[in-house]
Every structure is written in C-alpha cells, then in structure tokens.
Amino acid sequence: MQELVSIIMPSYNTGKFIAKSIESVLKQTYFYWELIIIDDCSTDNTDNIIKKFLKDERIIYLKNNKNSGASVSRNRALKKANGRWIAFLDSDDMWKPKKLESQISFMKNNNYCFSYTCYEEIDENGIPLKIRVSGPSKITQRSMFNYCWPGCLTVMYDASKIGLVQISNIKKNNDYAMWLKVCKKSDCYLLNECLAEYRRGRVGSISTQNYRNLIAWHYKLFHEVEEQNVIISLLNTGKNLLFGIYKKIKYIKKYK
C-alpha cells in the first residue's frame, strides 16, 4: 500500500514560475501525494495561477493573512500535513518525474528516515546551466553544522520517525534551520541521482544575496536560533564559509 507524501510549497510572487513547479508534481510517477501551497500575500498573479490547478483534490491551497515569511509558511504547512513522508519544493523549482518514487524506494530499502538527492541548475528562463550539485553520502549532525549540504527542493524525511518539525521565525536560512533540527534525530543520506532542477539567479532568491548578508544571516542562525554563544556561532559561521568553498570544488560540477 502506498503511503502519503506531503509536499510543502511556500509561495510569494512566483506567478512566472509556479505553474511549472506544480506541473512537475502532477507529472510524478508516485501518485499518492498532497501538495500544500502556502501563499504569503503575493502581489502578482500567483493567486490566479494556483487557482487553475485546484480541480486536483490533492492540491491544498492556504493563504497567510499577512506577509510573514517562508519560515511561518512552512510551519503552517507542516502542521497541516497528513503524510508519512515530508518533501519540499519551492515555487520556482521543479522535480524530475521519478523524484518521489525513487527517493521513497531509496529510503525504505535502506531504512533511512532523512535523505536528499542531487540536482541540476537552470537559469531564470528554465534553460539548463549544465551544472550538477551533489554532496556527502552521509551527513551527520556535526557535518550539518559545518554546512547546509542538502538543496531544499531535494529533501525528504519520515514524519513517523522525526515527528512534527517547527522552526523559529528567521527571514533567511529557514530551510537550514529545519535540517539542523531534523539532523539531531537522524543522519541524512544522499541518493546520488539528479532528480530536481533549481532555478538560479531569480531576483530575491538566496543565490542573489551578497556574501556580507549571507555571513550575517548564518551568524544569526547559529546565535539566535541554535542559541550558541558568540564564539561558537562565529566558529560555525567561519566553517560554513570554508565548507562552502569545499563544496564548490568537490560537489558542484559542470558537464557538457
């Protein structure tokens, strides 16, 4: 018997992209899922785009009363989720058709309760950048503090083992804050297949932030969310910078 997957999709002003994201879910070879979309008071045509898909009863559409940020949206969606398996897909990214089927099989066959996959990068217009991103085969709690290895669009965990995850209201790095919580209960394992497409370079996305802002948000994550002292927070921030360089060398590869 197939088990339900709850897919968490926060949205904000992604009317240009969200149809492709939803369509990539509809094309999954694993059919037993619910897609929980939480719109954070979009001011573009996101609302009209989403409504076109609501004829599929597996799609649940919620809207925040005020603009609250991705962490609040994800927390709300997670409380609504009914599935054993929890997966994440941002509203400008896409999955390959066998993403859910392959990842659930990988986790069940190996008795894993936390996993991620490789992904490919595309530009704002959906054109492949011919860049493949992978990561360590196993991420422990310690190595997760070193760096946020998983791409959000690739992560899945077993809620029957991990339980309900709720994160602090932090503007940036809220997905990282979530993986740090989950990794305290389980190591994370890589399914070494490219099963998703990450849209890089969109205005407002994390990939367009400058390094000074990224450093500040990493420190805030460790100091305020993880409640580490100043020295440990600075050390972890520094390690993130170093392991970020290591990731670019070892795990981000261009192909022809």
C-alpha atoms as a PDB file:
ATOM      1  CA  MET A   1       0.000   0.000   0.000  1.00  0.00           C
ATOM      2  CA  GLN A   2       1.379   3.390  -0.961  1.00  0.00           C
ATOM      3  CA  GLU A   3       1.981   5.933   1.786  1.00  0.00           C
ATOM      4  CA  LEU A   4       1.075   9.597   1.518  1.00  0.00           C
ATOM      5  CA  VAL A   5       3.722  12.216   0.724  1.00  0.00           C
ATOM      6  CA  SER A   6       3.071  15.762   1.932  1.00  0.00           C
ATOM      7  CA  ILE A   7       4.790  18.309  -0.307  1.00  0.00           C
ATOM      8  CA  ILE A   8       5.455  21.704   1.274  1.00  0.00           C
ATOM      9  CA  MET A   9       5.445  24.644  -1.159  1.00  0.00           C
ATOM     10  CA  PRO A  10       5.604  28.237   0.153  1.00  0.00           C
ATOM     11  CA  SER A  11       4.926  30.866  -2.497  1.00  0.00           C
ATOM     12  CA  TYR A  12       5.444  34.601  -2.852  1.00  0.00           C
ATOM     13  CA  ASN A  13       5.291  36.477  -6.149  1.00  0.00           C
ATOM     14  CA  THR A  14       6.295  33.488  -8.252  1.00  0.00           C
ATOM     15  CA  GLY A  15       3.452  33.708 -10.757  1.00  0.00           C
ATOM     16  CA  LYS A  16       6.013  33.487 -13.567  1.00  0.00           C
ATOM     17  CA  PHE A  17       7.279  30.102 -12.353  1.00  0.00           C
ATOM     18  CA  ILE A  18       4.802  28.342 -10.065  1.00  0.00           C
ATOM     19  CA  ALA A  19       2.800  26.654 -12.840  1.00  0.00           C
ATOM     20  CA  LYS A  20       5.920  24.736 -13.916  1.00  0.00           C
ATOM     21  CA  SER A  21       6.604  23.774 -10.305  1.00  0.00           C
ATOM     22  CA  ILE A  22       3.082  22.437  -9.800  1.00  0.00           C
ATOM     23  CA  GLU A  23       3.151  20.636 -13.161  1.00  0.00           C
ATOM     24  CA  SER A  24       6.349  18.855 -12.109  1.00  0.00           C
ATOM     25  CA  VAL A  25       4.441  17.475  -9.115  1.00  0.00           C
ATOM     26  CA  LEU A  26       1.493  16.428 -11.285  1.00  0.00           C
ATOM     27  CA  LYS A  27       3.912  14.503 -13.523  1.00  0.00           C
ATOM     28  CA  GLN A  28       5.259  12.371 -10.665  1.00  0.00           C
ATOM     29  CA  THR A  29       5.162   8.610 -11.183  1.00  0.00           C
ATOM     30  CA  TYR A  30       4.282   8.289  -7.498  1.00  0.00           C
ATOM     31  CA  PHE A  31       0.649   9.411  -7.311  1.00  0.00           C
ATOM     32  CA  TYR A  32      -0.187   9.287  -3.609  1.00  0.00           C
ATOM     33  CA  TRP A  33       0.702  12.806  -2.527  1.00  0.00           C
ATOM     34  CA  GLU A  34      -0.787  16.050  -1.263  1.00  0.00           C
ATOM     35  CA  LEU A  35       0.657  19.392  -2.324  1.00  0.00           C
ATOM     36  CA  ILE A  36       0.250  22.061   0.357  1.00  0.00           C
ATOM     37  CA  ILE A  37       0.775  25.517  -1.127  1.00  0.00           C
ATOM     38  CA  ILE A  38       1.013  28.436   1.305  1.00  0.00           C
ATOM     39  CA  ASP A  39       0.877  31.832  -0.380  1.00  0.00           C
ATOM     40  CA  ASP A  40       2.428  34.683   1.602  1.00  0.00           C
ATOM     41  CA  CYS A  41       0.281  37.563   0.308  1.00  0.00           C
ATOM     42  CA  SER A  42       1.630  37.654  -3.239  1.00  0.00           C
ATOM     43  CA  THR A  43       1.040  40.904  -5.131  1.00  0.00           C
ATOM     44  CA  ASP A  44       1.438  39.448  -8.625  1.00  0.00           C
ATOM     45  CA  ASN A  45      -0.737  36.887 -10.438  1.00  0.00           C
ATOM     46  CA  THR A  46       0.345  33.920  -8.263  1.00  0.00           C
ATOM     47  CA  ASP A  47      -3.153  33.525  -6.823  1.00  0.00           C
ATOM     48  CA  ASN A  48      -4.804  33.267 -10.249  1.00  0.00           C
ATOM     49  CA  ILE A  49      -2.212  30.760 -11.453  1.00  0.00           C
ATOM     50  CA  ILE A  50      -2.664  28.479  -8.422  1.00  0.00           C
ATOM     51  CA  LYS A  51      -6.463  28.512  -8.677  1.00  0.00           C
ATOM     52  CA  LYS A  52      -6.249  26.941 -12.139  1.00  0.00           C
ATOM     53  CA  PHE A  53      -4.840  23.771 -10.555  1.00  0.00           C
ATOM     54  CA  LEU A  54      -7.321  23.375  -7.710  1.00  0.00           C
ATOM     55  CA  LYS A  55      -9.504  20.943  -9.661  1.00  0.00           C
ATOM     56  CA  ASP A  56      -6.982  18.334  -8.480  1.00  0.00           C
ATOM     57  CA  GLU A  57      -8.164  17.496  -4.962  1.00  0.00           C
ATOM     58  CA  ARG A  58      -4.638  16.578  -3.911  1.00  0.00           C
ATOM     59  CA  ILE A  59      -3.681  20.265  -4.016  1.00  0.00           C
ATOM     60  CA  ILE A  60      -4.382  22.213  -0.817  1.00  0.00           C
ATOM     61  CA  TYR A  61      -4.203  25.988  -1.075  1.00  0.00           C
ATOM     62  CA  LEU A  62      -3.761  28.179   2.002  1.00  0.00           C
ATOM     63  CA  LYS A  63      -3.073  31.898   2.225  1.00  0.00           C
ATOM     64  CA  ASN A  64      -1.478  33.864   5.041  1.00  0.00           C
ATOM     65  CA  ASN A  65      -3.442  36.812   6.404  1.00  0.00           C
ATOM     66  CA  LYS A  66      -0.311  38.963   6.320  1.00  0.00           C
ATOM     67  CA  ASN A  67       3.122  38.675   4.746  1.00  0.00           C
ATOM     68  CA  SER A  68       5.024  36.545   7.260  1.00  0.00           C
ATOM     69  CA  GLY A  69       7.999  34.922   5.548  1.00  0.00           C
ATOM     70  CA  ALA A  70       8.904  31.410   4.443  1.00  0.00           C
ATOM     71  CA  SER A  71       9.519  30.008   7.925  1.00  0.00           C
ATOM     72  CA  VAL A  72       5.991  30.878   9.109  1.00  0.00           C
ATOM     73  CA  SER A  73       4.558  29.495   5.860  1.00  0.00           C
ATOM     74  CA  ARG A  74       6.490  26.221   6.152  1.00  0.00           C
ATOM     75  CA  ASN A  75       5.492  25.819   9.807  1.00  0.00           C
ATOM     76  CA  ARG A  76       1.834  26.261   8.923  1.00  0.00           C
ATOM     77  CA  ALA A  77       2.035  23.789   6.050  1.00  0.00           C
ATOM     78  CA  LEU A  78       3.805  21.206   8.231  1.00  0.00           C
ATOM     79  CA  LYS A  79       1.008  21.393  10.807  1.00  0.00           C
ATOM     80  CA  LYS A  80      -1.469  20.734   8.007  1.00  0.00           C
ATOM     81  CA  ALA A  81       0.500  17.793   6.549  1.00  0.00           C
ATOM     82  CA  ASN A  82      -1.038  14.314   6.765  1.00  0.00           C
ATOM     83  CA  GLY A  83       1.702  12.300   5.083  1.00  0.00           C
ATOM     84  CA  ARG A  84       4.284   9.912   6.462  1.00  0.00           C
ATOM     85  CA  TRP A  85       6.808  11.373   4.044  1.00  0.00           C
ATOM     86  CA  ILE A  86       7.526  15.121   4.060  1.00  0.00           C
ATOM     87  CA  ALA A  87       9.074  16.669   0.938  1.00  0.00           C
ATOM     88  CA  PHE A  88       9.859  20.260  -0.004  1.00  0.00           C
ATOM     89  CA  LEU A  89       9.611  22.126  -3.299  1.00  0.00           C
ATOM     90  CA  ASP A  90       9.940  25.879  -3.649  1.00  0.00           C
ATOM     91  CA  SER A  91       7.531  27.544  -6.051  1.00  0.00           C
ATOM     92  CA  ASP A  92      10.179  28.351  -8.665  1.00  0.00           C
ATOM     93  CA  ASP A  93      11.922  24.955  -8.726  1.00  0.00           C
ATOM     94  CA  MET A  94      10.978  21.663 -10.407  1.00  0.00           C
ATOM     95  CA  TRP A  95      11.215  17.894  -9.921  1.00  0.00           C
ATOM     96  CA  LYS A  96      12.028  15.143 -12.397  1.00  0.00           C
ATOM     97  CA  PRO A  97       9.093  12.705 -12.843  1.00  0.00           C
ATOM     98  CA  LYS A  98      10.586   9.850 -10.767  1.00  0.00           C
ATOM     99  CA  LYS A  99      11.724  12.025  -7.859  1.00  0.00           C
ATOM    100  CA  LEU A 100       9.222  10.818  -5.282  1.00  0.00           C
ATOM    101  CA  GLU A 101       9.191   7.198  -6.420  1.00  0.00           C
ATOM    102  CA  SER A 102      12.979   6.887  -6.429  1.00  0.00           C
ATOM    103  CA  GLN A 103      13.530   8.665  -3.121  1.00  0.00           C
ATOM    104  CA  ILE A 104      10.874   6.738  -1.189  1.00  0.00           C
ATOM    105  CA  SER A 105      12.238   3.458  -2.539  1.00  0.00           C
ATOM    106  CA  PHE A 106      15.772   4.509  -1.542  1.00  0.00           C
ATOM    107  CA  MET A 107      14.678   5.365   1.991  1.00  0.00           C
ATOM    108  CA  LYS A 108      12.530   2.296   2.556  1.00  0.00           C
ATOM    109  CA  ASN A 109      15.078  -0.134   1.126  1.00  0.00           C
ATOM    110  CA  ASN A 110      17.818   1.253   3.395  1.00  0.00           C
ATOM    111  CA  ASN A 111      15.649   2.073   6.427  1.00  0.00           C
ATOM    112  CA  TYR A 112      16.564   5.762   6.227  1.00  0.00           C
ATOM    113  CA  CYS A 113      14.333   8.495   7.620  1.00  0.00           C
ATOM    114  CA  PHE A 114      16.142  11.577   6.229  1.00  0.00           C
ATOM    115  CA  SER A 115      17.555  11.941   2.724  1.00  0.00           C
ATOM    116  CA  TYR A 116      18.352  14.291  -0.142  1.00  0.00           C
ATOM    117  CA  THR A 117      19.268  13.987  -3.817  1.00  0.00           C
ATOM    118  CA  CYS A 118      21.448  15.686  -6.392  1.00  0.00           C
ATOM    119  CA  TYR A 119      20.002  18.457  -8.543  1.00  0.00           C
ATOM    120  CA  GLU A 120      20.767  20.446 -11.672  1.00  0.00           C
ATOM    121  CA  GLU A 121      20.765  24.223 -12.019  1.00  0.00           C
ATOM    122  CA  ILE A 122      18.689  26.178 -14.531  1.00  0.00           C
ATOM    123  CA  ASP A 123      18.544  29.911 -15.160  1.00  0.00           C
ATOM    124  CA  GLU A 124      15.576  32.227 -14.620  1.00  0.00           C
ATOM    125  CA  ASN A 125      14.146  31.214 -18.008  1.00  0.00           C
ATOM    126  CA  GLY A 126      14.452  27.482 -17.347  1.00  0.00           C
ATOM    127  CA  ILE A 127      17.497  26.968 -19.567  1.00  0.00           C
ATOM    128  CA  PRO A 128      19.915  24.344 -18.170  1.00  0.00           C
ATOM    129  CA  LEU A 129      23.182  25.814 -16.894  1.00  0.00           C
ATOM    130  CA  LYS A 130      24.796  22.361 -17.194  1.00  0.00           C
ATOM    131  CA  ILE A 131      25.766  22.364 -13.520  1.00  0.00           C
ATOM    132  CA  ARG A 132      25.209  19.321 -11.287  1.00  0.00           C
ATOM    133  CA  VAL A 133      25.187  19.684  -7.489  1.00  0.00           C
ATOM    134  CA  SER A 134      25.674  16.733  -5.169  1.00  0.00           C
ATOM    135  CA  GLY A 135      27.035  16.366  -1.627  1.00  0.00           C
ATOM    136  CA  PRO A 136      28.360  13.964   1.013  1.00  0.00           C
ATOM    137  CA  SER A 137      26.921  10.441   1.010  1.00  0.00           C
ATOM    138  CA  LYS A 138      26.139  10.799   4.731  1.00  0.00           C
ATOM    139  CA  ILE A 139      25.539  13.973   6.726  1.00  0.00           C
ATOM    140  CA  THR A 140      25.799  13.706  10.497  1.00  0.00           C
ATOM    141  CA  GLN A 141      24.637  16.340  12.953  1.00  0.00           C
ATOM    142  CA  ARG A 142      28.195  17.660  13.199  1.00  0.00           C
ATOM    143  CA  SER A 143      28.687  17.878   9.434  1.00  0.00           C
ATOM    144  CA  MET A 144      25.297  19.588   9.020  1.00  0.00           C
ATOM    145  CA  PHE A 145      26.588  22.366  11.297  1.00  0.00           C
ATOM    146  CA  ASN A 146      29.630  22.620   9.014  1.00  0.00           C
ATOM    147  CA  TYR A 147      27.446  23.423   6.011  1.00  0.00           C
ATOM    148  CA  CYS A 148      23.910  23.234   4.651  1.00  0.00           C
ATOM    149  CA  TRP A 149      24.614  20.427   2.179  1.00  0.00           C
ATOM    150  CA  PRO A 150      21.067  19.488   1.015  1.00  0.00           C
ATOM    151  CA  GLY A 151      19.179  21.526  -1.546  1.00  0.00           C
ATOM    152  CA  CYS A 152      15.732  22.265  -0.096  1.00  0.00           C
ATOM    153  CA  LEU A 153      13.997  21.003  -3.237  1.00  0.00           C
ATOM    154  CA  THR A 154      15.569  17.549  -2.760  1.00  0.00           C
ATOM    155  CA  VAL A 155      14.946  16.853   0.941  1.00  0.00           C
ATOM    156  CA  MET A 156      12.562  14.228   2.293  1.00  0.00           C
ATOM    157  CA  TYR A 157      12.078  12.890   5.822  1.00  0.00           C
ATOM    158  CA  ASP A 158       9.913  10.315   7.539  1.00  0.00           C
ATOM    159  CA  ALA A 159       7.499  12.179   9.834  1.00  0.00           C
ATOM    160  CA  SER A 160       6.577   8.937  11.629  1.00  0.00           C
ATOM    161  CA  LYS A 161      10.163   8.844  12.947  1.00  0.00           C
ATOM    162  CA  ILE A 162      11.092  12.534  13.044  1.00  0.00           C
ATOM    163  CA  GLY A 163       7.782  13.965  14.241  1.00  0.00           C
ATOM    164  CA  LEU A 164       6.433  17.475  13.690  1.00  0.00           C
ATOM    165  CA  VAL A 165       9.197  19.966  12.899  1.00  0.00           C
ATOM    166  CA  GLN A 166       8.682  23.667  13.614  1.00  0.00           C
ATOM    167  CA  ILE A 167      11.351  26.316  13.199  1.00  0.00           C
ATOM    168  CA  SER A 168      11.997  29.794  14.545  1.00  0.00           C
ATOM    169  CA  ASN A 169      10.793  32.759  12.549  1.00  0.00           C
ATOM    170  CA  ILE A 170      14.019  33.611  10.752  1.00  0.00           C
ATOM    171  CA  LYS A 171      13.967  35.535   7.465  1.00  0.00           C
ATOM    172  CA  LYS A 172      16.824  33.675   5.750  1.00  0.00           C
ATOM    173  CA  ASN A 173      18.288  30.186   6.179  1.00  0.00           C
ATOM    174  CA  ASN A 174      14.963  28.827   7.440  1.00  0.00           C
ATOM    175  CA  ASP A 175      15.458  25.623   5.449  1.00  0.00           C
ATOM    176  CA  TYR A 176      18.909  25.231   7.033  1.00  0.00           C
ATOM    177  CA  ALA A 177      17.333  25.745  10.465  1.00  0.00           C
ATOM    178  CA  MET A 178      14.962  22.888   9.666  1.00  0.00           C
ATOM    179  CA  TRP A 179      17.688  20.470   8.563  1.00  0.00           C
ATOM    180  CA  LEU A 180      19.651  21.224  11.745  1.00  0.00           C
ATOM    181  CA  LYS A 181      16.595  20.197  13.763  1.00  0.00           C
ATOM    182  CA  VAL A 182      15.937  17.043  11.763  1.00  0.00           C
ATOM    183  CA  CYS A 183      19.610  16.031  11.817  1.00  0.00           C
ATOM    184  CA  LYS A 184      19.529  15.976  15.629  1.00  0.00           C
ATOM    185  CA  LYS A 185      17.221  12.971  15.257  1.00  0.00           C
ATOM    186  CA  SER A 186      18.687  11.273  12.185  1.00  0.00           C
ATOM    187  CA  ASP A 187      21.666  11.342   9.860  1.00  0.00           C
ATOM    188  CA  CYS A 188      20.894  12.410   6.294  1.00  0.00           C
ATOM    189  CA  TYR A 189      21.776  10.220   3.288  1.00  0.00           C
ATOM    190  CA  LEU A 190      22.377  11.100  -0.360  1.00  0.00           C
ATOM    191  CA  LEU A 191      20.505   9.444  -3.201  1.00  0.00           C
ATOM    192  CA  ASN A 192      23.125  10.045  -5.881  1.00  0.00           C
ATOM    193  CA  GLU A 193      20.706  10.802  -8.717  1.00  0.00           C
ATOM    194  CA  CYS A 194      19.747  14.167 -10.272  1.00  0.00           C
ATOM    195  CA  LEU A 195      16.022  14.355  -9.554  1.00  0.00           C
ATOM    196  CA  ALA A 196      15.344  18.105  -9.374  1.00  0.00           C
ATOM    197  CA  GLU A 197      16.016  21.434 -11.097  1.00  0.00           C
ATOM    198  CA  TYR A 198      16.981  24.506  -9.088  1.00  0.00           C
ATOM    199  CA  ARG A 199      16.232  27.912 -10.612  1.00  0.00           C
ATOM    200  CA  ARG A 200      19.258  30.109 -10.019  1.00  0.00           C
ATOM    201  CA  GLY A 201      19.549  33.887 -10.240  1.00  0.00           C
ATOM    202  CA  ARG A 202      15.917  34.891  -9.681  1.00  0.00           C
ATOM    203  CA  VAL A 203      15.700  38.353  -8.086  1.00  0.00           C
ATOM    204  CA  GLY A 204      15.123  37.967  -4.355  1.00  0.00           C
ATOM    205  CA  SER A 205      16.377  34.379  -4.183  1.00  0.00           C
ATOM    206  CA  ILE A 206      19.120  33.365  -1.772  1.00  0.00           C
ATOM    207  CA  SER A 207      21.583  32.906  -4.649  1.00  0.00           C
ATOM    208  CA  THR A 208      21.415  36.650  -5.415  1.00  0.00           C
ATOM    209  CA  GLN A 209      22.337  37.781  -1.887  1.00  0.00           C
ATOM    210  CA  ASN A 210      25.813  39.238  -1.329  1.00  0.00           C
ATOM    211  CA  TYR A 211      28.345  37.492   0.881  1.00  0.00           C
ATOM    212  CA  ARG A 212      28.163  40.051   3.695  1.00  0.00           C
ATOM    213  CA  ASN A 213      24.441  39.438   4.087  1.00  0.00           C
ATOM    214  CA  LEU A 214      24.916  35.663   3.905  1.00  0.00           C
ATOM    215  CA  ILE A 215      27.532  35.779   6.676  1.00  0.00           C
ATOM    216  CA  ALA A 216      25.239  37.899   8.851  1.00  0.00           C
ATOM    217  CA  TRP A 217      22.307  35.506   8.390  1.00  0.00           C
ATOM    218  CA  HIS A 218      24.456  32.459   9.146  1.00  0.00           C
ATOM    219  CA  TYR A 219      25.640  34.052  12.380  1.00  0.00           C
ATOM    220  CA  LYS A 220      22.054  34.904  13.287  1.00  0.00           C
ATOM    221  CA  LEU A 221      21.017  31.291  12.680  1.00  0.00           C
ATOM    222  CA  PHE A 222      23.666  29.856  14.977  1.00  0.00           C
ATOM    223  CA  HIS A 223      23.478  32.538  17.677  1.00  0.00           C
ATOM    224  CA  GLU A 224      19.744  33.226  17.889  1.00  0.00           C
ATOM    225  CA  VAL A 225      18.048  30.096  16.561  1.00  0.00           C
ATOM    226  CA  GLU A 226      20.516  27.453  17.777  1.00  0.00           C
ATOM    227  CA  GLU A 227      21.270  29.581  20.878  1.00  0.00           C
ATOM    228  CA  GLN A 228      25.024  29.140  20.614  1.00  0.00           C
ATOM    229  CA  ASN A 229      27.373  31.576  22.325  1.00  0.00           C
ATOM    230  CA  VAL A 230      29.197  34.241  20.332  1.00  0.00           C
ATOM    231  CA  ILE A 231      32.436  32.294  19.897  1.00  0.00           C
ATOM    232  CA  ILE A 232      30.778  29.043  18.779  1.00  0.00           C
ATOM    233  CA  SER A 233      28.474  30.993  16.463  1.00  0.00           C
ATOM    234  CA  LEU A 234      31.451  32.740  14.861  1.00  0.00           C
ATOM    235  CA  LEU A 235      33.318  29.428  14.524  1.00  0.00           C
ATOM    236  CA  ASN A 236      30.345  27.763  12.833  1.00  0.00           C
ATOM    237  CA  THR A 237      29.914  30.767  10.537  1.00  0.00           C
ATOM    238  CA  GLY A 238      33.587  30.540   9.584  1.00  0.00           C
ATOM    239  CA  LYS A 239      33.316  26.803   8.956  1.00  0.00           C
ATOM    240  CA  ASN A 240      30.337  27.448   6.696  1.00  0.00           C
ATOM    241  CA  LEU A 241      32.489  29.767   4.577  1.00  0.00           C
ATOM    242  CA  LEU A 242      35.290  27.201   4.326  1.00  0.00           C
ATOM    243  CA  PHE A 243      32.995  24.277   3.575  1.00  0.00           C
ATOM    244  CA  GLY A 244      31.178  26.421   1.028  1.00  0.00           C
ATOM    245  CA  ILE A 245      34.463  26.673  -0.875  1.00  0.00           C
ATOM    246  CA  TYR A 246      34.988  22.917  -0.435  1.00  0.00           C
ATOM    247  CA  LYS A 247      31.511  22.215  -1.835  1.00  0.00           C
ATOM    248  CA  LYS A 248      32.198  24.294  -4.940  1.00  0.00           C
ATOM    249  CA  ILE A 249      35.382  22.319  -5.582  1.00  0.00           C
ATOM    250  CA  LYS A 250      34.129  18.823  -4.810  1.00  0.00           C
ATOM    251  CA  TYR A 251      30.363  18.725  -5.311  1.00  0.00           C
ATOM    252  CA  ILE A 252      29.470  21.329  -7.948  1.00  0.00           C
ATOM    253  CA  LYS A 253      30.424  20.079 -11.387  1.00  0.00           C
ATOM    254  CA  LYS A 254      29.902  21.408 -14.879  1.00  0.00           C
ATOM    255  CA  TYR A 255      29.067  18.972 -17.628  1.00  0.00           C
ATOM    256  CA  LYS A 256      28.851  19.203 -21.424  1.00  0.00           C
END
